[in-house]
Amino acid sequence: MSEQFEPVIIGFTCNWCSYRAADLAGTARMKYPANVRLIRLMCSGRLDPTFVMKALAGGADAVLITGCHPGECHYIEQNYKALRRYLLLRRTLGGLGIEPARVKLVWASAAEGAKLTHEITSFVEEIRSLGPLHWPQWDGAETSAPAQAPAAAD
């Protein structure tokens, strides 16, 4: 009997909106898959793209980015910066041969616990259907220092 693939998903959440939506979902006993490990950031605009790449390289099958709705950011326009970074990340992943669908951006306010649970549940199902992420492995030869030229004979 084969086991069903259970993805590991890292979720980067905005402290002011989507993290509180997840908290609301928990206090209201709304259920969502335990596949998502949430990491709270002060703002989705604080998300450095290297956080996403490191999560994927470290074994995550996907990354969920959540933040305040556009125009409602507590830090003025930082969620627009998050949107630009998200679009760039998807393009970069596609260029690396990784499905861009492995990174998802969701806007969820503090009052939208039900919406966040629905988005998490559907994202877990999407990643299950994609299967595990097979991050490209390099043997290190490409990244090692170039060989030095032999010394000239006198």
N, C-alpha and C. Protein backbone atom coordinates (compact mmCIF):
# COMPACT_ATOMS: atom_id res chain seq x y z
N MET A 1 0.85 -1.17 0.00
CA MET A 1 0.00 0.00 0.00
C MET A 1 0.90 1.24 0.00
N SER A 2 0.60 2.19 -0.89
CA SER A 2 1.43 3.39 -0.98
C SER A 2 0.85 4.50 -0.10
N GLU A 3 1.76 5.22 0.53
CA GLU A 3 1.35 6.33 1.37
C GLU A 3 1.11 7.56 0.52
N GLN A 4 0.17 8.39 0.95
CA GLN A 4 -0.09 9.64 0.24
C GLN A 4 1.01 10.63 0.59
N PHE A 5 1.48 11.33 -0.42
CA PHE A 5 2.50 12.35 -0.22
C PHE A 5 1.94 13.49 0.62
N GLU A 6 2.65 13.86 1.67
CA GLU A 6 2.26 14.99 2.52
C GLU A 6 3.31 16.08 2.37
N PRO A 7 2.96 17.18 1.70
CA PRO A 7 3.93 18.24 1.47
C PRO A 7 4.27 19.01 2.74
N VAL A 8 5.47 19.57 2.74
CA VAL A 8 5.90 20.49 3.78
C VAL A 8 5.85 21.88 3.16
N ILE A 9 5.08 22.76 3.79
CA ILE A 9 4.89 24.10 3.26
C ILE A 9 5.28 25.10 4.34
N ILE A 10 6.10 26.06 3.96
CA ILE A 10 6.47 27.14 4.85
C ILE A 10 5.58 28.34 4.51
N GLY A 11 4.98 28.92 5.53
CA GLY A 11 4.13 30.09 5.34
C GLY A 11 4.73 31.31 6.01
N PHE A 12 4.99 32.33 5.23
CA PHE A 12 5.47 33.61 5.76
C PHE A 12 4.25 34.51 5.87
N THR A 13 3.92 34.93 7.11
CA THR A 13 2.69 35.67 7.34
C THR A 13 2.96 37.05 7.93
N CYS A 14 2.15 37.98 7.52
CA CYS A 14 2.18 39.35 8.04
C CYS A 14 1.64 39.35 9.47
N ASN A 15 2.36 39.99 10.36
CA ASN A 15 1.96 40.06 11.77
C ASN A 15 0.59 40.70 11.96
N TRP A 16 0.29 41.73 11.20
CA TRP A 16 -0.89 42.55 11.47
C TRP A 16 -2.17 41.99 10.86
N CYS A 17 -2.07 41.22 9.80
CA CYS A 17 -3.29 40.73 9.16
C CYS A 17 -3.35 39.21 9.12
N SER A 18 -2.55 38.60 8.28
CA SER A 18 -2.73 37.17 8.04
C SER A 18 -2.31 36.30 9.22
N TYR A 19 -1.33 36.73 10.01
CA TYR A 19 -1.00 35.94 11.21
C TYR A 19 -2.17 35.97 12.18
N ARG A 20 -2.80 37.12 12.26
CA ARG A 20 -3.97 37.25 13.14
C ARG A 20 -5.16 36.49 12.56
N ALA A 21 -5.24 36.37 11.23
CA ALA A 21 -6.28 35.55 10.62
C ALA A 21 -6.08 34.08 10.99
N ALA A 22 -4.81 33.64 10.99
CA ALA A 22 -4.51 32.27 11.41
C ALA A 22 -4.85 32.07 12.88
N ASP A 23 -4.59 33.08 13.69
CA ASP A 23 -4.94 33.02 15.11
C ASP A 23 -6.46 32.95 15.29
N LEU A 24 -7.18 33.76 14.52
CA LEU A 24 -8.64 33.73 14.56
C LEU A 24 -9.16 32.35 14.16
N ALA A 25 -8.55 31.77 13.13
CA ALA A 25 -8.96 30.43 12.70
C ALA A 25 -8.76 29.42 13.82
N GLY A 26 -7.65 29.56 14.53
CA GLY A 26 -7.38 28.64 15.64
C GLY A 26 -8.36 28.81 16.79
N THR A 27 -8.63 30.06 17.17
CA THR A 27 -9.55 30.27 18.29
C THR A 27 -10.99 29.92 17.93
N ALA A 28 -11.33 30.02 16.63
CA ALA A 28 -12.67 29.64 16.18
C ALA A 28 -12.75 28.15 15.85
N ARG A 29 -11.66 27.43 16.07
CA ARG A 29 -11.58 25.98 15.82
C ARG A 29 -11.84 25.61 14.36
N MET A 30 -11.41 26.50 13.46
CA MET A 30 -11.46 26.19 12.04
C MET A 30 -10.27 25.29 11.74
N LYS A 31 -10.48 24.29 10.94
CA LYS A 31 -9.42 23.33 10.68
C LYS A 31 -8.76 23.59 9.34
N TYR A 32 -7.43 23.44 9.33
CA TYR A 32 -6.67 23.45 8.08
C TYR A 32 -5.52 22.48 8.25
N PRO A 33 -4.98 21.97 7.17
CA PRO A 33 -3.93 20.94 7.26
C PRO A 33 -2.71 21.44 8.04
N ALA A 34 -2.12 20.53 8.77
CA ALA A 34 -0.94 20.85 9.58
C ALA A 34 0.34 20.86 8.75
N ASN A 35 0.20 20.80 7.44
CA ASN A 35 1.37 20.79 6.55
C ASN A 35 2.08 22.14 6.51
N VAL A 36 1.40 23.20 6.93
CA VAL A 36 1.96 24.55 6.83
C VAL A 36 2.57 24.95 8.16
N ARG A 37 3.83 25.37 8.09
CA ARG A 37 4.53 25.90 9.26
C ARG A 37 4.61 27.41 9.09
N LEU A 38 3.91 28.15 9.94
CA LEU A 38 3.84 29.59 9.79
C LEU A 38 5.01 30.29 10.46
N ILE A 39 5.55 31.26 9.76
CA ILE A 39 6.62 32.11 10.29
C ILE A 39 6.10 33.54 10.21
N ARG A 40 6.08 34.20 11.35
CA ARG A 40 5.53 35.56 11.41
C ARG A 40 6.59 36.59 11.07
N LEU A 41 6.23 37.47 10.14
CA LEU A 41 7.05 38.63 9.79
C LEU A 41 6.26 39.87 10.18
N MET A 42 6.92 40.96 10.43
CA MET A 42 6.19 42.18 10.75
C MET A 42 5.35 42.64 9.57
N CYS A 43 5.82 42.35 8.36
CA CYS A 43 5.10 42.78 7.16
C CYS A 43 5.49 41.85 6.02
N SER A 44 4.57 41.61 5.10
CA SER A 44 4.90 40.78 3.94
C SER A 44 5.98 41.46 3.09
N GLY A 45 6.06 42.78 3.15
CA GLY A 45 7.10 43.50 2.43
C GLY A 45 8.49 43.24 2.98
N ARG A 46 8.57 42.68 4.18
CA ARG A 46 9.85 42.35 4.81
C ARG A 46 10.42 41.03 4.28
N LEU A 47 9.60 40.28 3.55
CA LEU A 47 10.03 38.98 3.05
C LEU A 47 11.12 39.14 2.00
N ASP A 48 12.30 38.69 2.34
CA ASP A 48 13.42 38.68 1.40
C ASP A 48 13.27 37.45 0.52
N PRO A 49 13.43 37.58 -0.79
CA PRO A 49 13.30 36.41 -1.67
C PRO A 49 14.23 35.27 -1.30
N THR A 50 15.36 35.58 -0.68
CA THR A 50 16.26 34.49 -0.28
C THR A 50 15.65 33.61 0.81
N PHE A 51 14.69 34.15 1.59
CA PHE A 51 13.99 33.33 2.58
C PHE A 51 13.24 32.21 1.87
N VAL A 52 12.59 32.55 0.77
CA VAL A 52 11.81 31.57 0.00
C VAL A 52 12.74 30.54 -0.61
N MET A 53 13.82 31.00 -1.23
CA MET A 53 14.75 30.07 -1.87
C MET A 53 15.39 29.14 -0.84
N LYS A 54 15.73 29.69 0.32
CA LYS A 54 16.33 28.86 1.37
C LYS A 54 15.34 27.83 1.91
N ALA A 55 14.07 28.23 2.03
CA ALA A 55 13.05 27.28 2.49
C ALA A 55 12.91 26.12 1.51
N LEU A 56 12.88 26.44 0.22
CA LEU A 56 12.76 25.39 -0.80
C LEU A 56 14.01 24.52 -0.85
N ALA A 57 15.18 25.15 -0.78
CA ALA A 57 16.43 24.38 -0.80
C ALA A 57 16.59 23.54 0.46
N GLY A 58 15.97 23.97 1.56
CA GLY A 58 16.09 23.27 2.82
C GLY A 58 15.10 22.14 3.01
N GLY A 59 14.25 21.88 2.02
CA GLY A 59 13.36 20.74 2.12
C GLY A 59 11.88 21.04 2.01
N ALA A 60 11.48 22.30 1.99
CA ALA A 60 10.06 22.61 1.83
C ALA A 60 9.63 22.29 0.40
N ASP A 61 8.41 21.86 0.26
CA ASP A 61 7.86 21.56 -1.06
C ASP A 61 7.20 22.78 -1.68
N ALA A 62 6.87 23.77 -0.85
CA ALA A 62 6.21 24.98 -1.35
C ALA A 62 6.30 26.06 -0.28
N VAL A 63 5.99 27.29 -0.70
CA VAL A 63 6.00 28.44 0.21
C VAL A 63 4.72 29.25 -0.02
N LEU A 64 4.08 29.59 1.09
CA LEU A 64 2.88 30.42 1.07
C LEU A 64 3.25 31.77 1.67
N ILE A 65 2.94 32.84 0.96
CA ILE A 65 3.19 34.20 1.43
C ILE A 65 1.84 34.85 1.64
N THR A 66 1.62 35.40 2.83
CA THR A 66 0.34 36.04 3.10
C THR A 66 0.57 37.43 3.67
N GLY A 67 -0.35 38.33 3.35
CA GLY A 67 -0.23 39.70 3.83
C GLY A 67 -1.55 40.43 3.80
N CYS A 68 -1.49 41.70 4.18
CA CYS A 68 -2.66 42.58 4.17
C CYS A 68 -3.11 42.81 2.74
N HIS A 69 -4.37 43.10 2.59
CA HIS A 69 -4.91 43.43 1.26
C HIS A 69 -4.21 44.67 0.72
N PRO A 70 -4.03 44.75 -0.60
CA PRO A 70 -3.42 45.95 -1.19
C PRO A 70 -4.20 47.20 -0.78
N GLY A 71 -3.45 48.21 -0.39
CA GLY A 71 -4.06 49.45 0.07
C GLY A 71 -4.37 49.47 1.55
N GLU A 72 -4.19 48.35 2.25
CA GLU A 72 -4.50 48.27 3.67
C GLU A 72 -3.29 47.89 4.52
N CYS A 73 -2.10 48.05 3.97
CA CYS A 73 -0.88 47.66 4.68
C CYS A 73 -0.62 48.63 5.84
N HIS A 74 -0.22 48.08 6.97
CA HIS A 74 0.12 48.91 8.13
C HIS A 74 1.40 49.69 7.90
N TYR A 75 2.17 49.28 6.92
CA TYR A 75 3.41 49.98 6.58
C TYR A 75 3.27 50.63 5.20
N ILE A 76 2.13 51.23 4.98
CA ILE A 76 1.78 52.03 3.81
C ILE A 76 1.66 51.18 2.54
N GLU A 77 2.78 50.93 1.83
CA GLU A 77 2.72 50.24 0.54
C GLU A 77 3.65 49.03 0.47
N GLN A 78 4.02 48.48 1.60
CA GLN A 78 4.99 47.39 1.58
C GLN A 78 4.42 46.10 0.98
N ASN A 79 3.10 45.91 1.03
CA ASN A 79 2.56 44.70 0.42
C ASN A 79 2.65 44.77 -1.10
N TYR A 80 2.73 45.96 -1.68
CA TYR A 80 2.98 46.07 -3.11
C TYR A 80 4.41 45.61 -3.43
N LYS A 81 5.33 45.89 -2.51
CA LYS A 81 6.70 45.39 -2.67
C LYS A 81 6.71 43.86 -2.60
N ALA A 82 5.91 43.32 -1.69
CA ALA A 82 5.80 41.86 -1.58
C ALA A 82 5.25 41.27 -2.88
N LEU A 83 4.28 41.94 -3.47
CA LEU A 83 3.71 41.46 -4.74
C LEU A 83 4.76 41.46 -5.85
N ARG A 84 5.54 42.52 -5.95
CA ARG A 84 6.60 42.58 -6.97
C ARG A 84 7.62 41.46 -6.75
N ARG A 85 8.00 41.23 -5.51
CA ARG A 85 8.96 40.17 -5.21
C ARG A 85 8.38 38.80 -5.52
N TYR A 86 7.12 38.62 -5.22
CA TYR A 86 6.45 37.35 -5.50
C TYR A 86 6.46 37.05 -7.00
N LEU A 87 6.12 38.05 -7.80
CA LEU A 87 6.12 37.85 -9.25
C LEU A 87 7.51 37.53 -9.77
N LEU A 88 8.52 38.20 -9.23
CA LEU A 88 9.90 37.93 -9.61
C LEU A 88 10.32 36.53 -9.19
N LEU A 89 9.92 36.11 -7.99
CA LEU A 89 10.24 34.76 -7.51
C LEU A 89 9.66 33.69 -8.42
N ARG A 90 8.41 33.88 -8.83
CA ARG A 90 7.78 32.89 -9.71
C ARG A 90 8.53 32.78 -11.03
N ARG A 91 8.95 33.92 -11.56
CA ARG A 91 9.73 33.90 -12.81
C ARG A 91 11.06 33.21 -12.61
N THR A 92 11.71 33.49 -11.50
CA THR A 92 13.01 32.90 -11.21
C THR A 92 12.88 31.38 -11.05
N LEU A 93 11.87 30.94 -10.32
CA LEU A 93 11.68 29.50 -10.14
C LEU A 93 11.42 28.81 -11.47
N GLY A 94 10.62 29.42 -12.31
CA GLY A 94 10.37 28.86 -13.64
C GLY A 94 11.66 28.72 -14.43
N GLY A 95 12.53 29.72 -14.32
CA GLY A 95 13.82 29.67 -15.00
C GLY A 95 14.73 28.58 -14.45
N LEU A 96 14.52 28.21 -13.19
CA LEU A 96 15.31 27.14 -12.58
C LEU A 96 14.71 25.75 -12.82
N GLY A 97 13.58 25.71 -13.52
CA GLY A 97 12.94 24.42 -13.79
C GLY A 97 12.04 23.93 -12.67
N ILE A 98 11.65 24.84 -11.79
CA ILE A 98 10.76 24.50 -10.68
C ILE A 98 9.40 25.12 -10.96
N GLU A 99 8.35 24.38 -10.68
CA GLU A 99 7.00 24.87 -10.95
C GLU A 99 6.74 26.17 -10.18
N PRO A 100 6.40 27.26 -10.87
CA PRO A 100 6.10 28.51 -10.18
C PRO A 100 4.91 28.40 -9.22
N ALA A 101 4.04 27.43 -9.44
CA ALA A 101 2.88 27.25 -8.57
C ALA A 101 3.26 26.83 -7.16
N ARG A 102 4.52 26.53 -6.93
CA ARG A 102 4.98 26.15 -5.59
C ARG A 102 5.10 27.35 -4.65
N VAL A 103 4.93 28.54 -5.18
CA VAL A 103 4.92 29.75 -4.36
C VAL A 103 3.59 30.44 -4.61
N LYS A 104 2.89 30.75 -3.52
CA LYS A 104 1.57 31.36 -3.65
C LYS A 104 1.49 32.58 -2.74
N LEU A 105 0.81 33.61 -3.22
CA LEU A 105 0.57 34.83 -2.45
C LEU A 105 -0.92 34.95 -2.17
N VAL A 106 -1.25 35.19 -0.91
CA VAL A 106 -2.64 35.32 -0.48
C VAL A 106 -2.79 36.59 0.34
N TRP A 107 -3.81 37.37 0.04
CA TRP A 107 -4.14 38.53 0.87
C TRP A 107 -5.24 38.10 1.84
N ALA A 108 -5.01 38.31 3.13
CA ALA A 108 -6.02 37.94 4.14
C ALA A 108 -5.95 38.91 5.29
N SER A 109 -7.06 39.55 5.60
CA SER A 109 -7.10 40.48 6.73
C SER A 109 -7.27 39.70 8.03
N ALA A 110 -7.14 40.39 9.13
CA ALA A 110 -7.24 39.75 10.44
C ALA A 110 -8.61 39.11 10.68
N ALA A 111 -9.62 39.58 9.99
CA ALA A 111 -10.97 39.05 10.16
C ALA A 111 -11.29 37.90 9.22
N GLU A 112 -10.33 37.51 8.38
CA GLU A 112 -10.60 36.50 7.37
C GLU A 112 -9.97 35.14 7.69
N GLY A 113 -10.23 34.66 8.87
CA GLY A 113 -9.72 33.35 9.25
C GLY A 113 -10.26 32.25 8.37
N ALA A 114 -11.53 32.32 8.01
CA ALA A 114 -12.15 31.29 7.16
C ALA A 114 -11.52 31.31 5.77
N LYS A 115 -11.27 32.51 5.24
CA LYS A 115 -10.64 32.61 3.92
C LYS A 115 -9.24 32.01 3.97
N LEU A 116 -8.48 32.32 5.02
CA LEU A 116 -7.12 31.80 5.13
C LEU A 116 -7.12 30.28 5.23
N THR A 117 -8.01 29.71 6.02
CA THR A 117 -8.06 28.24 6.12
C THR A 117 -8.41 27.61 4.78
N HIS A 118 -9.32 28.25 4.05
CA HIS A 118 -9.68 27.73 2.72
C HIS A 118 -8.47 27.79 1.78
N GLU A 119 -7.75 28.91 1.79
CA GLU A 119 -6.58 29.08 0.92
C GLU A 119 -5.49 28.07 1.27
N ILE A 120 -5.25 27.86 2.56
CA ILE A 120 -4.24 26.90 2.98
C ILE A 120 -4.63 25.50 2.54
N THR A 121 -5.87 25.13 2.76
CA THR A 121 -6.35 23.79 2.39
C THR A 121 -6.22 23.56 0.89
N SER A 122 -6.63 24.53 0.10
CA SER A 122 -6.54 24.36 -1.36
C SER A 122 -5.09 24.34 -1.83
N PHE A 123 -4.22 25.12 -1.19
CA PHE A 123 -2.80 25.13 -1.58
C PHE A 123 -2.15 23.79 -1.25
N VAL A 124 -2.47 23.21 -0.11
CA VAL A 124 -1.93 21.89 0.23
C VAL A 124 -2.35 20.86 -0.81
N GLU A 125 -3.60 20.92 -1.25
CA GLU A 125 -4.07 19.99 -2.28
C GLU A 125 -3.35 20.21 -3.60
N GLU A 126 -3.12 21.47 -3.96
CA GLU A 126 -2.38 21.76 -5.20
C GLU A 126 -0.97 21.18 -5.14
N ILE A 127 -0.31 21.34 -4.02
CA ILE A 127 1.06 20.85 -3.89
C ILE A 127 1.09 19.33 -3.83
N ARG A 128 0.08 18.72 -3.21
CA ARG A 128 -0.01 17.25 -3.22
C ARG A 128 -0.07 16.74 -4.66
N SER A 129 -0.85 17.43 -5.48
CA SER A 129 -0.97 16.99 -6.88
C SER A 129 0.32 17.20 -7.66
N LEU A 130 1.11 18.21 -7.30
CA LEU A 130 2.41 18.43 -7.96
C LEU A 130 3.44 17.40 -7.54
N GLY A 131 3.31 16.89 -6.33
CA GLY A 131 4.27 15.92 -5.81
C GLY A 131 5.43 16.62 -5.12
N PRO A 132 6.38 15.84 -4.62
CA PRO A 132 7.50 16.43 -3.89
C PRO A 132 8.36 17.30 -4.79
N LEU A 133 8.95 18.31 -4.18
CA LEU A 133 9.89 19.17 -4.90
C LEU A 133 11.22 18.45 -4.98
N HIS A 134 11.70 18.29 -6.17
CA HIS A 134 13.02 17.69 -6.36
C HIS A 134 13.96 18.83 -6.70
N TRP A 135 14.48 19.47 -5.66
CA TRP A 135 15.39 20.60 -5.83
C TRP A 135 16.61 20.12 -6.60
N PRO A 136 17.00 20.83 -7.65
CA PRO A 136 18.17 20.40 -8.42
C PRO A 136 19.40 20.25 -7.54
N GLN A 137 20.08 19.15 -7.70
CA GLN A 137 21.29 18.89 -6.92
C GLN A 137 22.51 19.13 -7.79
N TRP A 138 23.47 19.81 -7.24
CA TRP A 138 24.72 20.04 -7.95
C TRP A 138 25.82 19.29 -7.21
N ASP A 139 26.82 18.86 -7.97
CA ASP A 139 27.89 18.10 -7.32
C ASP A 139 28.95 19.01 -6.71
N GLY A 140 28.79 20.30 -6.86
CA GLY A 140 29.73 21.24 -6.25
C GLY A 140 30.84 21.63 -7.19
N ALA A 141 31.03 20.90 -8.28
CA ALA A 141 32.13 21.19 -9.19
C ALA A 141 31.96 22.56 -9.83
N GLU A 142 30.69 22.93 -10.09
CA GLU A 142 30.44 24.22 -10.73
C GLU A 142 30.72 25.39 -9.80
N THR A 143 30.62 25.15 -8.50
CA THR A 143 30.76 26.26 -7.56
C THR A 143 32.14 26.32 -6.93
N SER A 144 32.98 25.35 -7.21
CA SER A 144 34.30 25.37 -6.59
C SER A 144 35.17 26.41 -7.29
N ALA A 145 36.23 26.79 -6.61
CA ALA A 145 37.13 27.80 -7.16
C ALA A 145 37.80 27.25 -8.41
N PRO A 146 38.04 28.12 -9.40
CA PRO A 146 38.66 27.63 -10.63
C PRO A 146 40.09 27.16 -10.33
N ALA A 147 40.48 26.17 -11.09
CA ALA A 147 41.85 25.64 -10.92
C ALA A 147 42.85 26.70 -11.35
N GLN A 148 43.95 26.74 -10.64
CA GLN A 148 44.97 27.72 -10.99
C GLN A 148 45.80 27.19 -12.16
N ALA A 149 46.20 28.14 -12.98
CA ALA A 149 47.03 27.77 -14.12
C ALA A 149 48.39 27.29 -13.62
N PRO A 150 48.98 26.32 -14.31
CA PRO A 150 50.28 25.84 -13.89
C PRO A 150 51.32 26.97 -13.97
N ALA A 151 52.25 26.93 -13.06
CA ALA A 151 53.29 27.97 -13.05
C ALA A 151 54.15 27.85 -14.30
N ALA A 152 54.52 28.98 -14.82
CA ALA A 152 55.36 28.99 -16.03
C ALA A 152 56.77 28.51 -15.69
N ALA A 153 57.32 27.70 -16.59
CA ALA A 153 58.68 27.20 -16.36
C ALA A 153 59.68 28.30 -16.65
N ASP A 154 60.68 28.42 -15.84
CA ASP A 154 61.72 29.44 -16.07
C ASP A 154 62.69 29.02 -17.11
